[in-house]
Amino acid sequence: MNKIDASLVICPHCLATNRVPLARLGETPRCGKCRSPLFAGQPLDVDAAAFQRHIGAGSLPVLVDFWAAWCGPCKIMAPAFAAAAGMLEPQFRLLKVDTEREQALAARYGIRSIPTLMLFADGQEVDRLSGALDARGIVDWARRAR
């Protein structure tokens, strides 16, 4: 099986890298190390280390919501981002980064307004968008930007 035939999927629980055949991505794959499901249809709330692991070692496009608990638009968009995870997985990995908890990460990526969505592919930023969207808007933007 070569790189084209499989995706490298990072386990949301133990952060192990799993090679999953493309044809089996939609079959509820489990981690080879901890046996946990690789997808749950929900975004993952991550710290800087987990963020870097998903961005740097996985081969799925990664959609990140930079947010904060005090932000009204972030709270409004949170259910839409969760719904988008259910529509975009397993072709995308969705992450949430709390900019208050991970200030260095937010500074590294120049996050100046929240919510900000960023799409990464092959470890590189592909696109970004600031402001709240509904679930359909998130899904459409991610698929276009990919």
N, C-alpha and C. Protein backbone atom coordinates (compact mmCIF):
# COMPACT_ATOMS: atom_id res chain seq x y z
N MET A 1 0.86 -1.17 0.00
CA MET A 1 0.00 0.00 0.00
C MET A 1 0.90 1.23 0.00
N ASN A 2 0.71 2.12 -0.95
CA ASN A 2 1.53 3.32 -0.99
C ASN A 2 0.76 4.51 -0.43
N LYS A 3 1.43 5.66 -0.39
CA LYS A 3 0.85 6.87 0.19
C LYS A 3 -0.46 7.26 -0.47
N ILE A 4 -0.58 7.03 -1.77
CA ILE A 4 -1.79 7.39 -2.50
C ILE A 4 -2.97 6.51 -2.10
N ASP A 5 -2.70 5.29 -1.67
CA ASP A 5 -3.75 4.35 -1.31
C ASP A 5 -4.23 4.49 0.13
N ALA A 6 -3.55 5.30 0.94
CA ALA A 6 -3.88 5.38 2.36
C ALA A 6 -3.70 6.80 2.88
N SER A 7 -4.37 7.05 3.99
CA SER A 7 -4.19 8.32 4.72
C SER A 7 -3.50 8.02 6.03
N LEU A 8 -2.69 8.97 6.49
CA LEU A 8 -2.11 8.89 7.81
C LEU A 8 -3.03 9.66 8.74
N VAL A 9 -3.63 8.94 9.68
CA VAL A 9 -4.62 9.53 10.58
C VAL A 9 -4.06 9.48 12.00
N ILE A 10 -4.04 10.62 12.66
CA ILE A 10 -3.56 10.71 14.03
C ILE A 10 -4.70 10.36 14.98
N CYS A 11 -4.41 9.46 15.93
CA CYS A 11 -5.42 9.07 16.91
C CYS A 11 -5.72 10.24 17.84
N PRO A 12 -7.00 10.56 18.04
CA PRO A 12 -7.34 11.67 18.92
C PRO A 12 -7.09 11.37 20.40
N HIS A 13 -6.84 10.10 20.73
CA HIS A 13 -6.67 9.70 22.12
C HIS A 13 -5.21 9.54 22.52
N CYS A 14 -4.43 8.79 21.72
CA CYS A 14 -3.03 8.52 22.08
C CYS A 14 -2.03 9.20 21.15
N LEU A 15 -2.52 9.87 20.11
CA LEU A 15 -1.71 10.60 19.12
C LEU A 15 -0.81 9.70 18.28
N ALA A 16 -1.12 8.40 18.23
CA ALA A 16 -0.38 7.49 17.36
C ALA A 16 -0.78 7.74 15.91
N THR A 17 0.17 7.51 15.00
CA THR A 17 -0.11 7.64 13.57
C THR A 17 -0.62 6.31 13.04
N ASN A 18 -1.74 6.35 12.34
CA ASN A 18 -2.36 5.15 11.79
C ASN A 18 -2.47 5.29 10.28
N ARG A 19 -2.03 4.26 9.56
CA ARG A 19 -2.18 4.22 8.11
C ARG A 19 -3.52 3.54 7.82
N VAL A 20 -4.44 4.32 7.22
CA VAL A 20 -5.78 3.81 6.95
C VAL A 20 -6.00 3.82 5.44
N PRO A 21 -6.31 2.66 4.86
CA PRO A 21 -6.61 2.63 3.41
C PRO A 21 -7.75 3.60 3.10
N LEU A 22 -7.61 4.32 2.00
CA LEU A 22 -8.64 5.30 1.62
C LEU A 22 -10.02 4.67 1.53
N ALA A 23 -10.08 3.47 1.01
CA ALA A 23 -11.36 2.78 0.85
C ALA A 23 -12.01 2.44 2.19
N ARG A 24 -11.23 2.48 3.29
CA ARG A 24 -11.76 2.10 4.60
C ARG A 24 -11.95 3.28 5.55
N LEU A 25 -11.66 4.50 5.08
CA LEU A 25 -11.80 5.67 5.94
C LEU A 25 -13.21 5.80 6.51
N GLY A 26 -14.21 5.51 5.74
CA GLY A 26 -15.60 5.64 6.18
C GLY A 26 -16.14 4.47 6.96
N GLU A 27 -15.29 3.50 7.29
CA GLU A 27 -15.74 2.28 7.98
C GLU A 27 -15.44 2.29 9.48
N THR A 28 -15.43 3.44 10.10
CA THR A 28 -15.16 3.59 11.52
C THR A 28 -13.84 2.94 11.92
N PRO A 29 -12.72 3.41 11.35
CA PRO A 29 -11.44 2.81 11.69
C PRO A 29 -11.05 3.07 13.15
N ARG A 30 -10.25 2.15 13.70
CA ARG A 30 -9.78 2.25 15.08
C ARG A 30 -8.27 2.36 15.10
N CYS A 31 -7.77 2.95 16.16
CA CYS A 31 -6.34 3.11 16.34
C CYS A 31 -5.68 1.75 16.54
N GLY A 32 -4.57 1.54 15.83
CA GLY A 32 -3.83 0.29 15.98
C GLY A 32 -3.14 0.16 17.32
N LYS A 33 -2.92 1.27 18.00
CA LYS A 33 -2.23 1.24 19.29
C LYS A 33 -3.20 1.13 20.47
N CYS A 34 -4.18 2.05 20.55
CA CYS A 34 -5.07 2.07 21.73
C CYS A 34 -6.47 1.53 21.44
N ARG A 35 -6.74 1.21 20.17
CA ARG A 35 -8.02 0.62 19.73
C ARG A 35 -9.21 1.57 19.83
N SER A 36 -8.99 2.84 20.08
CA SER A 36 -10.06 3.83 20.13
C SER A 36 -10.47 4.23 18.71
N PRO A 37 -11.72 4.67 18.53
CA PRO A 37 -12.14 5.14 17.21
C PRO A 37 -11.29 6.34 16.77
N LEU A 38 -10.95 6.39 15.49
CA LEU A 38 -10.16 7.50 14.96
C LEU A 38 -11.02 8.73 14.67
N PHE A 39 -12.32 8.52 14.51
CA PHE A 39 -13.24 9.63 14.23
C PHE A 39 -14.47 9.50 15.12
N ALA A 40 -14.95 10.66 15.60
CA ALA A 40 -16.14 10.66 16.45
C ALA A 40 -17.20 11.63 15.94
N GLY A 41 -16.95 12.27 14.81
CA GLY A 41 -17.91 13.23 14.28
C GLY A 41 -17.96 14.50 15.09
N GLN A 42 -16.93 14.77 15.88
CA GLN A 42 -16.83 15.97 16.70
C GLN A 42 -15.44 16.57 16.57
N PRO A 43 -15.32 17.89 16.66
CA PRO A 43 -13.98 18.49 16.64
C PRO A 43 -13.21 18.10 17.90
N LEU A 44 -11.90 18.10 17.79
CA LEU A 44 -11.04 17.77 18.92
C LEU A 44 -10.50 19.05 19.54
N ASP A 45 -10.67 19.20 20.85
CA ASP A 45 -10.10 20.33 21.58
C ASP A 45 -8.65 19.97 21.87
N VAL A 46 -7.70 20.70 21.30
CA VAL A 46 -6.30 20.29 21.38
C VAL A 46 -5.41 21.35 22.01
N ASP A 47 -4.30 20.87 22.57
CA ASP A 47 -3.24 21.76 23.03
C ASP A 47 -2.22 21.91 21.90
N ALA A 48 -1.17 22.66 22.14
CA ALA A 48 -0.18 22.94 21.10
C ALA A 48 0.50 21.68 20.59
N ALA A 49 0.81 20.74 21.49
CA ALA A 49 1.50 19.51 21.08
C ALA A 49 0.61 18.66 20.18
N ALA A 50 -0.66 18.50 20.56
CA ALA A 50 -1.58 17.71 19.73
C ALA A 50 -1.84 18.40 18.41
N PHE A 51 -1.97 19.73 18.44
CA PHE A 51 -2.14 20.50 17.21
C PHE A 51 -0.99 20.21 16.25
N GLN A 52 0.23 20.31 16.75
CA GLN A 52 1.39 20.09 15.90
C GLN A 52 1.44 18.66 15.37
N ARG A 53 1.04 17.71 16.16
CA ARG A 53 1.03 16.30 15.74
C ARG A 53 0.05 16.11 14.58
N HIS A 54 -1.15 16.64 14.71
CA HIS A 54 -2.16 16.51 13.66
C HIS A 54 -1.74 17.23 12.38
N ILE A 55 -1.19 18.43 12.53
CA ILE A 55 -0.77 19.22 11.37
C ILE A 55 0.45 18.61 10.69
N GLY A 56 1.41 18.18 11.51
CA GLY A 56 2.70 17.74 10.97
C GLY A 56 2.81 16.29 10.56
N ALA A 57 2.06 15.40 11.21
CA ALA A 57 2.22 13.97 10.93
C ALA A 57 1.06 13.35 10.17
N GLY A 58 -0.10 13.95 10.24
CA GLY A 58 -1.26 13.40 9.54
C GLY A 58 -1.30 13.85 8.09
N SER A 59 -2.01 13.09 7.27
CA SER A 59 -2.12 13.48 5.86
C SER A 59 -3.50 14.02 5.51
N LEU A 60 -4.43 14.01 6.45
CA LEU A 60 -5.74 14.59 6.19
C LEU A 60 -5.65 16.11 6.25
N PRO A 61 -6.45 16.82 5.45
CA PRO A 61 -6.54 18.27 5.63
C PRO A 61 -7.09 18.53 7.04
N VAL A 62 -6.57 19.55 7.70
CA VAL A 62 -6.96 19.87 9.08
C VAL A 62 -7.60 21.25 9.11
N LEU A 63 -8.83 21.31 9.59
CA LEU A 63 -9.57 22.55 9.73
C LEU A 63 -9.56 22.93 11.21
N VAL A 64 -9.04 24.11 11.52
CA VAL A 64 -8.86 24.54 12.90
C VAL A 64 -9.73 25.76 13.20
N ASP A 65 -10.43 25.70 14.32
CA ASP A 65 -11.20 26.83 14.84
C ASP A 65 -10.42 27.42 16.00
N PHE A 66 -9.87 28.63 15.82
CA PHE A 66 -9.23 29.36 16.90
C PHE A 66 -10.32 30.17 17.58
N TRP A 67 -10.52 29.97 18.87
CA TRP A 67 -11.65 30.54 19.59
C TRP A 67 -11.24 30.90 21.03
N ALA A 68 -12.16 31.52 21.77
CA ALA A 68 -11.99 31.79 23.20
C ALA A 68 -13.35 31.72 23.87
N ALA A 69 -13.34 31.34 25.14
CA ALA A 69 -14.59 31.16 25.88
C ALA A 69 -15.36 32.47 26.07
N TRP A 70 -14.67 33.60 26.11
CA TRP A 70 -15.32 34.89 26.34
C TRP A 70 -15.92 35.49 25.06
N CYS A 71 -15.66 34.87 23.92
CA CYS A 71 -16.05 35.42 22.61
C CYS A 71 -17.47 35.00 22.23
N GLY A 72 -18.37 35.98 22.13
CA GLY A 72 -19.76 35.69 21.76
C GLY A 72 -19.90 35.00 20.41
N PRO A 73 -19.29 35.53 19.32
CA PRO A 73 -19.39 34.86 18.03
C PRO A 73 -18.81 33.43 18.05
N CYS A 74 -17.78 33.22 18.89
CA CYS A 74 -17.20 31.87 19.00
C CYS A 74 -18.23 30.90 19.58
N LYS A 75 -18.95 31.37 20.62
CA LYS A 75 -19.98 30.54 21.25
C LYS A 75 -21.11 30.24 20.27
N ILE A 76 -21.46 31.24 19.46
CA ILE A 76 -22.52 31.05 18.47
C ILE A 76 -22.10 30.04 17.40
N MET A 77 -20.81 30.11 16.99
CA MET A 77 -20.35 29.22 15.93
C MET A 77 -20.02 27.81 16.40
N ALA A 78 -19.80 27.60 17.69
CA ALA A 78 -19.38 26.29 18.21
C ALA A 78 -20.29 25.14 17.76
N PRO A 79 -21.62 25.26 17.88
CA PRO A 79 -22.47 24.15 17.42
C PRO A 79 -22.38 23.92 15.91
N ALA A 80 -22.18 24.99 15.15
CA ALA A 80 -22.04 24.85 13.70
C ALA A 80 -20.74 24.14 13.35
N PHE A 81 -19.66 24.45 14.08
CA PHE A 81 -18.38 23.79 13.84
C PHE A 81 -18.48 22.30 14.19
N ALA A 82 -19.20 22.00 15.27
CA ALA A 82 -19.43 20.59 15.65
C ALA A 82 -20.24 19.87 14.57
N ALA A 83 -21.26 20.52 14.05
CA ALA A 83 -22.07 19.91 12.98
C ALA A 83 -21.23 19.72 11.72
N ALA A 84 -20.35 20.68 11.43
CA ALA A 84 -19.47 20.56 10.26
C ALA A 84 -18.55 19.36 10.39
N ALA A 85 -18.11 19.06 11.60
CA ALA A 85 -17.25 17.88 11.81
C ALA A 85 -17.98 16.62 11.37
N GLY A 86 -19.25 16.53 11.69
CA GLY A 86 -20.03 15.37 11.28
C GLY A 86 -20.17 15.25 9.77
N MET A 87 -20.12 16.39 9.07
CA MET A 87 -20.24 16.38 7.61
C MET A 87 -18.90 16.21 6.91
N LEU A 88 -17.82 16.67 7.52
CA LEU A 88 -16.51 16.65 6.85
C LEU A 88 -15.65 15.42 7.18
N GLU A 89 -15.84 14.84 8.37
CA GLU A 89 -15.07 13.63 8.69
C GLU A 89 -15.59 12.47 7.86
N PRO A 90 -14.75 11.59 7.42
CA PRO A 90 -13.33 11.39 7.69
C PRO A 90 -12.40 12.00 6.64
N GLN A 91 -12.90 12.84 5.77
CA GLN A 91 -12.03 13.44 4.76
C GLN A 91 -11.21 14.59 5.33
N PHE A 92 -11.62 15.16 6.45
CA PHE A 92 -10.94 16.24 7.14
C PHE A 92 -10.82 15.88 8.62
N ARG A 93 -9.86 16.48 9.30
CA ARG A 93 -9.78 16.43 10.76
C ARG A 93 -10.10 17.84 11.24
N LEU A 94 -11.00 17.99 12.22
CA LEU A 94 -11.38 19.29 12.76
C LEU A 94 -10.85 19.44 14.18
N LEU A 95 -10.16 20.55 14.42
CA LEU A 95 -9.57 20.84 15.72
C LEU A 95 -10.08 22.18 16.24
N LYS A 96 -10.12 22.30 17.57
CA LYS A 96 -10.43 23.57 18.22
C LYS A 96 -9.24 23.95 19.09
N VAL A 97 -8.79 25.20 18.95
CA VAL A 97 -7.68 25.72 19.75
C VAL A 97 -8.18 26.91 20.55
N ASP A 98 -8.14 26.80 21.87
CA ASP A 98 -8.53 27.88 22.77
C ASP A 98 -7.37 28.88 22.81
N THR A 99 -7.59 30.07 22.27
CA THR A 99 -6.52 31.05 22.16
C THR A 99 -6.08 31.61 23.52
N GLU A 100 -6.92 31.48 24.53
CA GLU A 100 -6.52 31.91 25.88
C GLU A 100 -5.57 30.89 26.49
N ARG A 101 -5.84 29.63 26.28
CA ARG A 101 -5.01 28.56 26.83
C ARG A 101 -3.73 28.38 26.02
N GLU A 102 -3.81 28.60 24.72
CA GLU A 102 -2.68 28.38 23.81
C GLU A 102 -2.27 29.70 23.15
N GLN A 103 -1.90 30.68 23.98
CA GLN A 103 -1.57 32.01 23.48
C GLN A 103 -0.36 32.01 22.55
N ALA A 104 0.63 31.19 22.83
CA ALA A 104 1.82 31.13 21.97
C ALA A 104 1.46 30.61 20.58
N LEU A 105 0.58 29.63 20.52
CA LEU A 105 0.15 29.08 19.23
C LEU A 105 -0.65 30.12 18.45
N ALA A 106 -1.54 30.83 19.14
CA ALA A 106 -2.31 31.89 18.48
C ALA A 106 -1.37 32.98 17.95
N ALA A 107 -0.36 33.34 18.73
CA ALA A 107 0.59 34.35 18.29
C ALA A 107 1.41 33.85 17.10
N ARG A 108 1.81 32.60 17.15
CA ARG A 108 2.61 32.01 16.05
C ARG A 108 1.89 32.13 14.71
N TYR A 109 0.56 31.96 14.73
CA TYR A 109 -0.22 32.01 13.49
C TYR A 109 -0.89 33.37 13.26
N GLY A 110 -0.55 34.35 14.08
CA GLY A 110 -1.05 35.71 13.86
C GLY A 110 -2.55 35.83 13.99
N ILE A 111 -3.13 35.13 14.95
CA ILE A 111 -4.58 35.20 15.15
C ILE A 111 -4.89 36.54 15.82
N ARG A 112 -5.60 37.41 15.11
CA ARG A 112 -5.91 38.74 15.62
C ARG A 112 -7.38 38.94 15.90
N SER A 113 -8.22 38.12 15.29
CA SER A 113 -9.65 38.18 15.59
C SER A 113 -10.16 36.74 15.67
N ILE A 114 -11.18 36.58 16.46
CA ILE A 114 -11.76 35.24 16.62
C ILE A 114 -13.27 35.34 16.48
N PRO A 115 -13.90 34.27 16.03
CA PRO A 115 -13.28 33.02 15.62
C PRO A 115 -12.53 33.18 14.29
N THR A 116 -11.45 32.44 14.16
CA THR A 116 -10.71 32.35 12.91
C THR A 116 -10.60 30.88 12.54
N LEU A 117 -10.99 30.57 11.32
CA LEU A 117 -10.83 29.21 10.79
C LEU A 117 -9.57 29.20 9.93
N MET A 118 -8.76 28.15 10.11
CA MET A 118 -7.58 27.96 9.28
C MET A 118 -7.61 26.54 8.74
N LEU A 119 -7.26 26.41 7.47
CA LEU A 119 -7.19 25.10 6.84
C LEU A 119 -5.74 24.79 6.53
N PHE A 120 -5.29 23.62 6.95
CA PHE A 120 -3.93 23.15 6.70
C PHE A 120 -3.97 21.91 5.83
N ALA A 121 -3.01 21.79 4.93
CA ALA A 121 -2.81 20.59 4.13
C ALA A 121 -1.31 20.38 3.98
N ASP A 122 -0.89 19.16 4.16
CA ASP A 122 0.54 18.83 4.07
C ASP A 122 1.38 19.71 4.98
N GLY A 123 0.85 20.02 6.17
CA GLY A 123 1.59 20.80 7.15
C GLY A 123 1.64 22.29 6.91
N GLN A 124 1.01 22.77 5.86
CA GLN A 124 1.05 24.18 5.50
C GLN A 124 -0.34 24.80 5.54
N GLU A 125 -0.39 26.08 5.91
CA GLU A 125 -1.66 26.80 5.87
C GLU A 125 -2.09 26.97 4.42
N VAL A 126 -3.33 26.61 4.13
CA VAL A 126 -3.89 26.73 2.79
C VAL A 126 -4.76 27.99 2.68
N ASP A 127 -5.54 28.25 3.74
CA ASP A 127 -6.44 29.39 3.72
C ASP A 127 -6.87 29.70 5.14
N ARG A 128 -7.41 30.90 5.34
CA ARG A 128 -7.97 31.28 6.64
C ARG A 128 -9.15 32.22 6.42
N LEU A 129 -10.03 32.23 7.41
CA LEU A 129 -11.23 33.05 7.33
C LEU A 129 -11.62 33.44 8.75
N SER A 130 -11.85 34.72 8.99
CA SER A 130 -12.28 35.18 10.31
C SER A 130 -13.76 35.50 10.29
N GLY A 131 -14.41 35.22 11.41
CA GLY A 131 -15.84 35.49 11.55
C GLY A 131 -16.63 34.20 11.64
N ALA A 132 -17.79 34.29 12.23
CA ALA A 132 -18.65 33.13 12.45
C ALA A 132 -19.39 32.75 11.17
N LEU A 133 -19.50 31.45 10.97
CA LEU A 133 -20.25 30.88 9.85
C LEU A 133 -21.22 29.84 10.38
N ASP A 134 -22.24 29.51 9.58
CA ASP A 134 -23.08 28.38 9.93
C ASP A 134 -22.40 27.11 9.41
N ALA A 135 -22.97 25.95 9.75
CA ALA A 135 -22.34 24.67 9.40
C ALA A 135 -22.15 24.53 7.90
N ARG A 136 -23.15 24.86 7.11
CA ARG A 136 -23.04 24.74 5.65
C ARG A 136 -21.95 25.66 5.12
N GLY A 137 -21.86 26.86 5.66
CA GLY A 137 -20.81 27.79 5.25
C GLY A 137 -19.42 27.26 5.56
N ILE A 138 -19.26 26.65 6.72
CA ILE A 138 -17.97 26.06 7.10
C ILE A 138 -17.60 24.94 6.14
N VAL A 139 -18.55 24.05 5.90
CA VAL A 139 -18.30 22.90 5.01
C VAL A 139 -17.97 23.37 3.60
N ASP A 140 -18.77 24.28 3.07
CA ASP A 140 -18.53 24.77 1.71
C ASP A 140 -17.17 25.46 1.59
N TRP A 141 -16.84 26.30 2.57
CA TRP A 141 -15.55 27.00 2.54
C TRP A 141 -14.38 26.01 2.60
N ALA A 142 -14.47 25.03 3.50
CA ALA A 142 -13.38 24.05 3.65
C ALA A 142 -13.18 23.25 2.37
N ARG A 143 -14.26 22.82 1.76
CA ARG A 143 -14.14 22.03 0.53
C ARG A 143 -13.59 22.86 -0.62
N ARG A 144 -13.99 24.11 -0.72
CA ARG A 144 -13.46 24.99 -1.77
C ARG A 144 -11.98 25.29 -1.55
N ALA A 145 -11.61 25.56 -0.30
CA ALA A 145 -10.24 25.96 0.03
C ALA A 145 -9.25 24.81 -0.09
N ARG A 146 -9.72 23.62 0.05
CA ARG A 146 -8.85 22.43 0.03
C ARG A 146 -8.16 22.35 -1.28
